[in-house]
Each structure stands twice: as structure tokens, then as C-alpha cells.
PDB file of all heavy atoms in Angstrom:
ATOM      1  N   LEU A   1      19.148  71.135  74.430  1.00  0.00           N
ATOM      2  CA  LEU A   1      19.333  72.439  73.821  1.00  0.00           C
ATOM      3  C   LEU A   1      19.442  72.320  72.293  1.00  0.00           C
ATOM      4  O   LEU A   1      18.846  73.017  71.538  1.00  0.00           O
ATOM      5  CB  LEU A   1      20.595  73.135  74.408  1.00  0.00           C
ATOM      6  CG  LEU A   1      20.851  74.571  73.838  1.00  0.00           C
ATOM      7  CD1 LEU A   1      19.664  75.467  74.144  1.00  0.00           C
ATOM      8  CD2 LEU A   1      22.123  75.093  74.480  1.00  0.00           C
ATOM      9  N   GLU A   2      20.193  71.312  71.834  1.00  0.00           N
ATOM     10  CA  GLU A   2      20.341  71.081  70.417  1.00  0.00           C
ATOM     11  C   GLU A   2      19.016  70.671  69.741  1.00  0.00           C
ATOM     12  O   GLU A   2      18.688  71.137  68.662  1.00  0.00           O
ATOM     13  CB  GLU A   2      21.424  70.070  70.134  1.00  0.00           C
ATOM     14  CG  GLU A   2      22.840  70.445  70.419  1.00  0.00           C
ATOM     15  CD  GLU A   2      23.268  71.686  69.644  1.00  0.00           C
ATOM     16  OE1 GLU A   2      23.004  71.694  68.435  1.00  0.00           O
ATOM     17  OE2 GLU A   2      23.733  72.653  70.271  1.00  0.00           O
ATOM     18  N   VAL A   3      18.290  69.794  70.440  1.00  0.00           N
ATOM     19  CA  VAL A   3      16.960  69.369  69.947  1.00  0.00           C
ATOM     20  C   VAL A   3      16.001  70.570  69.869  1.00  0.00           C
ATOM     21  O   VAL A   3      15.340  70.738  68.822  1.00  0.00           O
ATOM     22  CB  VAL A   3      16.358  68.337  70.856  1.00  0.00           C
ATOM     23  CG1 VAL A   3      14.886  68.025  70.515  1.00  0.00           C
ATOM     24  CG2 VAL A   3      17.150  67.047  70.766  1.00  0.00           C
ATOM     25  N   SER A   4      16.032  71.456  70.852  1.00  0.00           N
ATOM     26  CA  SER A   4      15.127  72.536  70.830  1.00  0.00           C
ATOM     27  C   SER A   4      15.493  73.518  69.685  1.00  0.00           C
ATOM     28  O   SER A   4      14.612  74.179  69.073  1.00  0.00           O
ATOM     29  CB  SER A   4      15.142  73.361  72.154  1.00  0.00           C
ATOM     30  OG  SER A   4      16.426  73.897  72.368  1.00  0.00           O
ATOM     31  N   ARG A   5      16.735  73.640  69.369  1.00  0.00           N
ATOM     32  CA  ARG A   5      17.172  74.479  68.265  1.00  0.00           C
ATOM     33  C   ARG A   5      16.685  73.911  66.911  1.00  0.00           C
ATOM     34  O   ARG A   5      16.241  74.675  66.053  1.00  0.00           O
ATOM     35  CB  ARG A   5      18.707  74.624  68.215  1.00  0.00           C
ATOM     36  CG  ARG A   5      19.308  75.511  69.322  1.00  0.00           C
ATOM     37  CD  ARG A   5      20.762  75.456  69.366  1.00  0.00           C
ATOM     38  NE  ARG A   5      21.303  76.358  70.366  1.00  0.00           N
ATOM     39  CZ  ARG A   5      22.593  76.365  70.829  1.00  0.00           C
ATOM     40  NH1 ARG A   5      23.388  75.369  70.351  1.00  0.00           N
ATOM     41  NH2 ARG A   5      22.976  77.231  71.720  1.00  0.00           N
ATOM     42  N   PHE A   6      16.763  72.582  66.801  1.00  0.00           N
ATOM     43  CA  PHE A   6      16.242  71.998  65.556  1.00  0.00           C
ATOM     44  C   PHE A   6      14.760  72.206  65.461  1.00  0.00           C
ATOM     45  O   PHE A   6      14.201  72.539  64.413  1.00  0.00           O
ATOM     46  CB  PHE A   6      16.563  70.463  65.559  1.00  0.00           C
ATOM     47  CG  PHE A   6      17.899  70.112  64.902  1.00  0.00           C
ATOM     48  CD1 PHE A   6      18.963  69.815  65.678  1.00  0.00           C
ATOM     49  CD2 PHE A   6      17.968  70.081  63.559  1.00  0.00           C
ATOM     50  CE1 PHE A   6      20.186  69.426  65.103  1.00  0.00           C
ATOM     51  CE2 PHE A   6      19.176  69.734  62.940  1.00  0.00           C
ATOM     52  CZ  PHE A   6      20.332  69.428  63.682  1.00  0.00           C
ATOM     53  N   GLU A   7      14.082  71.950  66.543  1.00  0.00           N
ATOM     54  CA  GLU A   7      12.561  72.046  66.527  1.00  0.00           C
ATOM     55  C   GLU A   7      12.093  73.477  66.208  1.00  0.00           C
ATOM     56  O   GLU A   7      11.068  73.709  65.648  1.00  0.00           O
ATOM     57  CB  GLU A   7      11.968  71.614  67.885  1.00  0.00           C
ATOM     58  CG  GLU A   7      12.307  70.182  68.347  1.00  0.00           C
ATOM     59  CD  GLU A   7      11.662  69.194  67.448  1.00  0.00           C
ATOM     60  OE1 GLU A   7      10.673  69.562  66.705  1.00  0.00           O
ATOM     61  OE2 GLU A   7      12.056  67.998  67.455  1.00  0.00           O
ATOM     62  N   ALA A   8      12.875  74.459  66.666  1.00  0.00           N
ATOM     63  CA  ALA A   8      12.535  75.858  66.474  1.00  0.00           C
ATOM     64  C   ALA A   8      13.011  76.418  65.143  1.00  0.00           C
ATOM     65  O   ALA A   8      12.772  77.592  64.831  1.00  0.00           O
ATOM     66  CB  ALA A   8      13.060  76.715  67.595  1.00  0.00           C
ATOM     67  N   GLY A   9      13.758  75.598  64.385  1.00  0.00           N
ATOM     68  CA  GLY A   9      14.306  75.998  63.126  1.00  0.00           C
ATOM     69  C   GLY A   9      15.447  76.992  63.264  1.00  0.00           C
ATOM     70  O   GLY A   9      15.703  77.834  62.337  1.00  0.00           O
ATOM     71  N   LYS A  10      16.118  77.001  64.422  1.00  0.00           N
ATOM     72  CA  LYS A  10      17.187  77.953  64.711  1.00  0.00           C
ATOM     73  C   LYS A  10      18.558  77.311  64.685  1.00  0.00           C
ATOM     74  O   LYS A  10      19.525  77.963  65.113  1.00  0.00           O
ATOM     75  CB  LYS A  10      16.942  78.611  65.995  1.00  0.00           C
ATOM     76  CG  LYS A  10      15.635  79.435  66.092  1.00  0.00           C
ATOM     77  CD  LYS A  10      15.499  80.061  67.494  1.00  0.00           C
ATOM     78  CE  LYS A  10      14.188  80.864  67.525  1.00  0.00           C
ATOM     79  NZ  LYS A  10      13.917  81.486  68.875  1.00  0.00           N
ATOM     80  N   LYS A  11      18.621  76.114  64.192  1.00  0.00           N
ATOM     81  CA  LYS A  11      19.907  75.363  64.159  1.00  0.00           C
ATOM     82  C   LYS A  11      20.702  75.753  62.889  1.00  0.00           C
ATOM     83  O   LYS A  11      20.247  75.601  61.764  1.00  0.00           O
ATOM     84  CB  LYS A  11      19.705  73.898  64.195  1.00  0.00           C
ATOM     85  CG  LYS A  11      20.980  73.022  64.129  1.00  0.00           C
ATOM     86  CD  LYS A  11      21.846  73.313  65.394  1.00  0.00           C
ATOM     87  CE  LYS A  11      23.137  72.502  65.303  1.00  0.00           C
ATOM     88  NZ  LYS A  11      23.958  72.721  66.477  1.00  0.00           N
ATOM     89  N   ASN A  12      21.889  76.300  63.125  1.00  0.00           N
ATOM     90  CA  ASN A  12      22.755  76.697  62.046  1.00  0.00           C
ATOM     91  C   ASN A  12      23.764  75.610  61.737  1.00  0.00           C
ATOM     92  O   ASN A  12      24.454  75.175  62.684  1.00  0.00           O
ATOM     93  CB  ASN A  12      23.455  78.053  62.327  1.00  0.00           C
ATOM     94  CG  ASN A  12      22.490  79.208  62.459  1.00  0.00           C
ATOM     95  OD1 ASN A  12      21.554  79.267  61.684  1.00  0.00           O
ATOM     96  ND2 ASN A  12      22.743  80.049  63.393  1.00  0.00           N
ATOM     97  N   MET A  13      23.898  75.208  60.507  1.00  0.00           N
ATOM     98  CA  MET A  13      24.841  74.139  60.163  1.00  0.00           C
ATOM     99  C   MET A  13      26.026  74.767  59.389  1.00  0.00           C
ATOM    100  O   MET A  13      25.824  75.694  58.552  1.00  0.00           O
ATOM    101  CB  MET A  13      24.117  73.110  59.194  1.00  0.00           C
ATOM    102  CG  MET A  13      22.850  72.562  59.812  1.00  0.00           C
ATOM    103  SD  MET A  13      23.060  71.566  61.285  1.00  0.00           S
ATOM    104  CE  MET A  13      23.549  70.044  60.528  1.00  0.00           C
ATOM    105  N   SER A  14      27.202  74.315  59.650  1.00  0.00           N
ATOM    106  CA  SER A  14      28.441  74.726  58.950  1.00  0.00           C
ATOM    107  C   SER A  14      28.755  73.640  57.909  1.00  0.00           C
ATOM    108  O   SER A  14      29.290  72.600  58.259  1.00  0.00           O
ATOM    109  CB  SER A  14      29.551  74.895  59.918  1.00  0.00           C
ATOM    110  OG  SER A  14      29.252  75.919  60.885  1.00  0.00           O
ATOM    111  N   TRP A  15      28.483  73.929  56.663  1.00  0.00           N
ATOM    112  CA  TRP A  15      28.673  72.948  55.588  1.00  0.00           C
ATOM    113  C   TRP A  15      30.100  72.921  55.089  1.00  0.00           C
ATOM    114  O   TRP A  15      30.662  74.014  54.756  1.00  0.00           O
ATOM    115  CB  TRP A  15      27.695  73.165  54.474  1.00  0.00           C
ATOM    116  CG  TRP A  15      26.296  73.005  54.924  1.00  0.00           C
ATOM    117  CD1 TRP A  15      25.450  74.014  55.340  1.00  0.00           C
ATOM    118  CD2 TRP A  15      25.540  71.802  55.009  1.00  0.00           C
ATOM    119  NE1 TRP A  15      24.204  73.484  55.685  1.00  0.00           N
ATOM    120  CE2 TRP A  15      24.273  72.138  55.523  1.00  0.00           C
ATOM    121  CE3 TRP A  15      25.778  70.447  54.725  1.00  0.00           C
ATOM    122  CZ2 TRP A  15      23.279  71.212  55.730  1.00  0.00           C
ATOM    123  CZ3 TRP A  15      24.828  69.470  54.979  1.00  0.00           C
ATOM    124  CH2 TRP A  15      23.566  69.912  55.471  1.00  0.00           C
ATOM    125  N   GLU A  16      30.736  71.802  55.085  1.00  0.00           N
ATOM    126  CA  GLU A  16      32.095  71.614  54.568  1.00  0.00           C
ATOM    127  C   GLU A  16      32.306  70.202  54.190  1.00  0.00           C
ATOM    128  O   GLU A  16      31.533  69.286  54.525  1.00  0.00           O
ATOM    129  CB  GLU A  16      33.061  72.026  55.682  1.00  0.00           C
ATOM    130  CG  GLU A  16      32.978  71.148  56.938  1.00  0.00           C
ATOM    131  CD  GLU A  16      34.028  71.609  58.009  1.00  0.00           C
ATOM    132  OE1 GLU A  16      35.067  72.093  57.575  1.00  0.00           O
ATOM    133  OE2 GLU A  16      33.721  71.360  59.193  1.00  0.00           O
ATOM    134  N   ARG A  17      33.347  69.935  53.431  1.00  0.00           N
ATOM    135  CA  ARG A  17      33.718  68.543  53.137  1.00  0.00           C
ATOM    136  C   ARG A  17      34.177  67.856  54.417  1.00  0.00           C
ATOM    137  O   ARG A  17      35.083  68.297  55.095  1.00  0.00           O
ATOM    138  CB  ARG A  17      34.920  68.541  52.118  1.00  0.00           C
ATOM    139  CG  ARG A  17      34.476  68.895  50.675  1.00  0.00           C
ATOM    140  CD  ARG A  17      35.687  69.089  49.793  1.00  0.00           C
ATOM    141  NE  ARG A  17      36.620  67.996  49.845  1.00  0.00           N
ATOM    142  CZ  ARG A  17      36.628  66.893  49.091  1.00  0.00           C
ATOM    143  NH1 ARG A  17      35.741  66.852  48.169  1.00  0.00           N
ATOM    144  NH2 ARG A  17      37.567  66.015  49.201  1.00  0.00           N
ATOM    145  N   SER A  18      33.462  66.732  54.731  1.00  0.00           N
ATOM    146  CA  SER A  18      33.775  66.046  55.976  1.00  0.00           C
ATOM    147  C   SER A  18      34.144  64.572  55.678  1.00  0.00           C
ATOM    148  O   SER A  18      33.417  63.871  54.975  1.00  0.00           O
ATOM    149  CB  SER A  18      32.506  66.100  56.906  1.00  0.00           C
ATOM    150  OG  SER A  18      32.142  67.430  57.166  1.00  0.00           O
ATOM    151  N   ASN A  19      35.254  64.207  56.257  1.00  0.00           N
ATOM    152  CA  ASN A  19      35.733  62.827  56.040  1.00  0.00           C
ATOM    153  C   ASN A  19      35.174  61.946  57.115  1.00  0.00           C
ATOM    154  O   ASN A  19      35.629  61.957  58.269  1.00  0.00           O
ATOM    155  CB  ASN A  19      37.259  62.821  56.063  1.00  0.00           C
ATOM    156  CG  ASN A  19      37.849  61.487  55.596  1.00  0.00           C
ATOM    157  OD1 ASN A  19      37.314  60.417  55.986  1.00  0.00           O
ATOM    158  ND2 ASN A  19      38.929  61.521  54.888  1.00  0.00           N
ATOM    159  N   LEU A  20      34.247  61.054  56.745  1.00  0.00           N
ATOM    160  CA  LEU A  20      33.614  60.233  57.812  1.00  0.00           C
ATOM    161  C   LEU A  20      34.515  59.184  58.349  1.00  0.00           C
ATOM    162  O   LEU A  20      34.390  58.791  59.514  1.00  0.00           O
ATOM    163  CB  LEU A  20      32.346  59.605  57.180  1.00  0.00           C
ATOM    164  CG  LEU A  20      31.181  60.546  56.824  1.00  0.00           C
ATOM    165  CD1 LEU A  20      30.044  59.710  56.190  1.00  0.00           C
ATOM    166  CD2 LEU A  20      30.652  61.207  58.094  1.00  0.00           C
ATOM    167  N   GLN A  21      35.410  58.747  57.525  1.00  0.00           N
ATOM    168  CA  GLN A  21      36.423  57.757  57.990  1.00  0.00           C
ATOM    169  C   GLN A  21      37.256  58.368  59.113  1.00  0.00           C
ATOM    170  O   GLN A  21      37.472  57.752  60.196  1.00  0.00           O
ATOM    171  CB  GLN A  21      37.304  57.306  56.894  1.00  0.00           C
ATOM    172  CG  GLN A  21      38.235  56.097  57.283  1.00  0.00           C
ATOM    173  CD  GLN A  21      38.993  55.598  56.079  1.00  0.00           C
ATOM    174  OE1 GLN A  21      38.852  56.072  54.921  1.00  0.00           O
ATOM    175  NE2 GLN A  21      39.803  54.562  56.348  1.00  0.00           N
ATOM    176  N   GLU A  22      37.707  59.615  58.952  1.00  0.00           N
ATOM    177  CA  GLU A  22      38.494  60.268  60.006  1.00  0.00           C
ATOM    178  C   GLU A  22      37.628  60.508  61.294  1.00  0.00           C
ATOM    179  O   GLU A  22      38.125  60.353  62.410  1.00  0.00           O
ATOM    180  CB  GLU A  22      38.975  61.623  59.462  1.00  0.00           C
ATOM    181  CG  GLU A  22      40.115  61.501  58.425  1.00  0.00           C
ATOM    182  CD  GLU A  22      40.571  62.848  58.010  1.00  0.00           C
ATOM    183  OE1 GLU A  22      40.066  63.932  58.517  1.00  0.00           O
ATOM    184  OE2 GLU A  22      41.549  62.886  57.204  1.00  0.00           O
ATOM    185  N   ILE A  23      36.401  60.911  61.075  1.00  0.00           N
ATOM    186  CA  ILE A  23      35.514  61.105  62.190  1.00  0.00           C
ATOM    187  C   ILE A  23      35.271  59.879  63.044  1.00  0.00           C
ATOM    188  O   ILE A  23      35.378  59.889  64.261  1.00  0.00           O
ATOM    189  CB  ILE A  23      34.123  61.697  61.749  1.00  0.00           C
ATOM    190  CG1 ILE A  23      34.272  63.100  61.131  1.00  0.00           C
ATOM    191  CG2 ILE A  23      33.096  61.691  62.834  1.00  0.00           C
ATOM    192  CD1 ILE A  23      33.011  63.647  60.486  1.00  0.00           C
ATOM    193  N   ILE A  24      35.102  58.797  62.342  1.00  0.00           N
ATOM    194  CA  ILE A  24      34.894  57.432  63.056  1.00  0.00           C
ATOM    195  C   ILE A  24      36.179  57.122  63.845  1.00  0.00           C
ATOM    196  O   ILE A  24      36.066  56.692  65.007  1.00  0.00           O
ATOM    197  CB  ILE A  24      34.587  56.381  62.044  1.00  0.00           C
ATOM    198  CG1 ILE A  24      33.154  56.605  61.453  1.00  0.00           C
ATOM    199  CG2 ILE A  24      34.681  54.983  62.631  1.00  0.00           C
ATOM    200  CD1 ILE A  24      32.800  55.687  60.345  1.00  0.00           C
ATOM    201  N   GLN A  25      37.317  57.305  63.248  1.00  0.00           N
ATOM    202  CA  GLN A  25      38.592  56.962  63.924  1.00  0.00           C
ATOM    203  C   GLN A  25      38.739  57.819  65.169  1.00  0.00           C
ATOM    204  O   GLN A  25      39.213  57.309  66.228  1.00  0.00           O
ATOM    205  CB  GLN A  25      39.806  57.152  62.925  1.00  0.00           C
ATOM    206  CG  GLN A  25      39.830  56.188  61.810  1.00  0.00           C
ATOM    207  CD  GLN A  25      40.177  54.730  62.260  1.00  0.00           C
ATOM    208  OE1 GLN A  25      40.465  54.477  63.424  1.00  0.00           O
ATOM    209  NE2 GLN A  25      40.122  53.798  61.342  1.00  0.00           N
ATOM    210  N   GLU A  26      38.436  59.119  65.115  1.00  0.00           N
ATOM    211  CA  GLU A  26      38.510  60.014  66.247  1.00  0.00           C
ATOM    212  C   GLU A  26      37.595  59.518  67.349  1.00  0.00           C
ATOM    213  O   GLU A  26      38.042  59.503  68.485  1.00  0.00           O
ATOM    214  CB  GLU A  26      38.199  61.446  65.812  1.00  0.00           C
ATOM    215  CG  GLU A  26      39.171  62.099  64.874  1.00  0.00           C
ATOM    216  CD  GLU A  26      38.703  63.457  64.434  1.00  0.00           C
ATOM    217  OE1 GLU A  26      37.623  63.971  64.981  1.00  0.00           O
ATOM    218  OE2 GLU A  26      39.357  64.047  63.574  1.00  0.00           O
ATOM    219  N   VAL A  27      36.362  59.225  67.026  1.00  0.00           N
ATOM    220  CA  VAL A  27      35.392  58.802  68.022  1.00  0.00           C
ATOM    221  C   VAL A  27      35.838  57.466  68.690  1.00  0.00           C
ATOM    222  O   VAL A  27      35.729  57.337  69.902  1.00  0.00           O
ATOM    223  CB  VAL A  27      34.006  58.676  67.405  1.00  0.00           C
ATOM    224  CG1 VAL A  27      33.017  58.111  68.427  1.00  0.00           C
ATOM    225  CG2 VAL A  27      33.506  60.091  66.996  1.00  0.00           C
ATOM    226  N   VAL A  28      36.255  56.571  67.857  1.00  0.00           N
ATOM    227  CA  VAL A  28      36.685  55.242  68.397  1.00  0.00           C
ATOM    228  C   VAL A  28      37.853  55.448  69.353  1.00  0.00           C
ATOM    229  O   VAL A  28      37.938  54.718  70.377  1.00  0.00           O
ATOM    230  CB  VAL A  28      37.029  54.305  67.215  1.00  0.00           C
ATOM    231  CG1 VAL A  28      37.747  53.032  67.736  1.00  0.00           C
ATOM    232  CG2 VAL A  28      35.738  53.908  66.519  1.00  0.00           C
TER     233      VAL A  28
END
């Protein structure tokens, strides 16, 4: 579903300051 949204140009992105170090720690 996400791929189809990208392909159709209908994917909406929420832009904000994102801390990649925190994201990695959460996923790990």
C-alpha cells in the first residue's frame, strides 16, 4: 500500500526535525 502511494504520487510526508540516533535506538 505504501509503495502504491509513492508510485501514484499520493504519499504525504510529515516533515519535522528527526533524531536518527533516537530512531535507531528505538528500533534496536
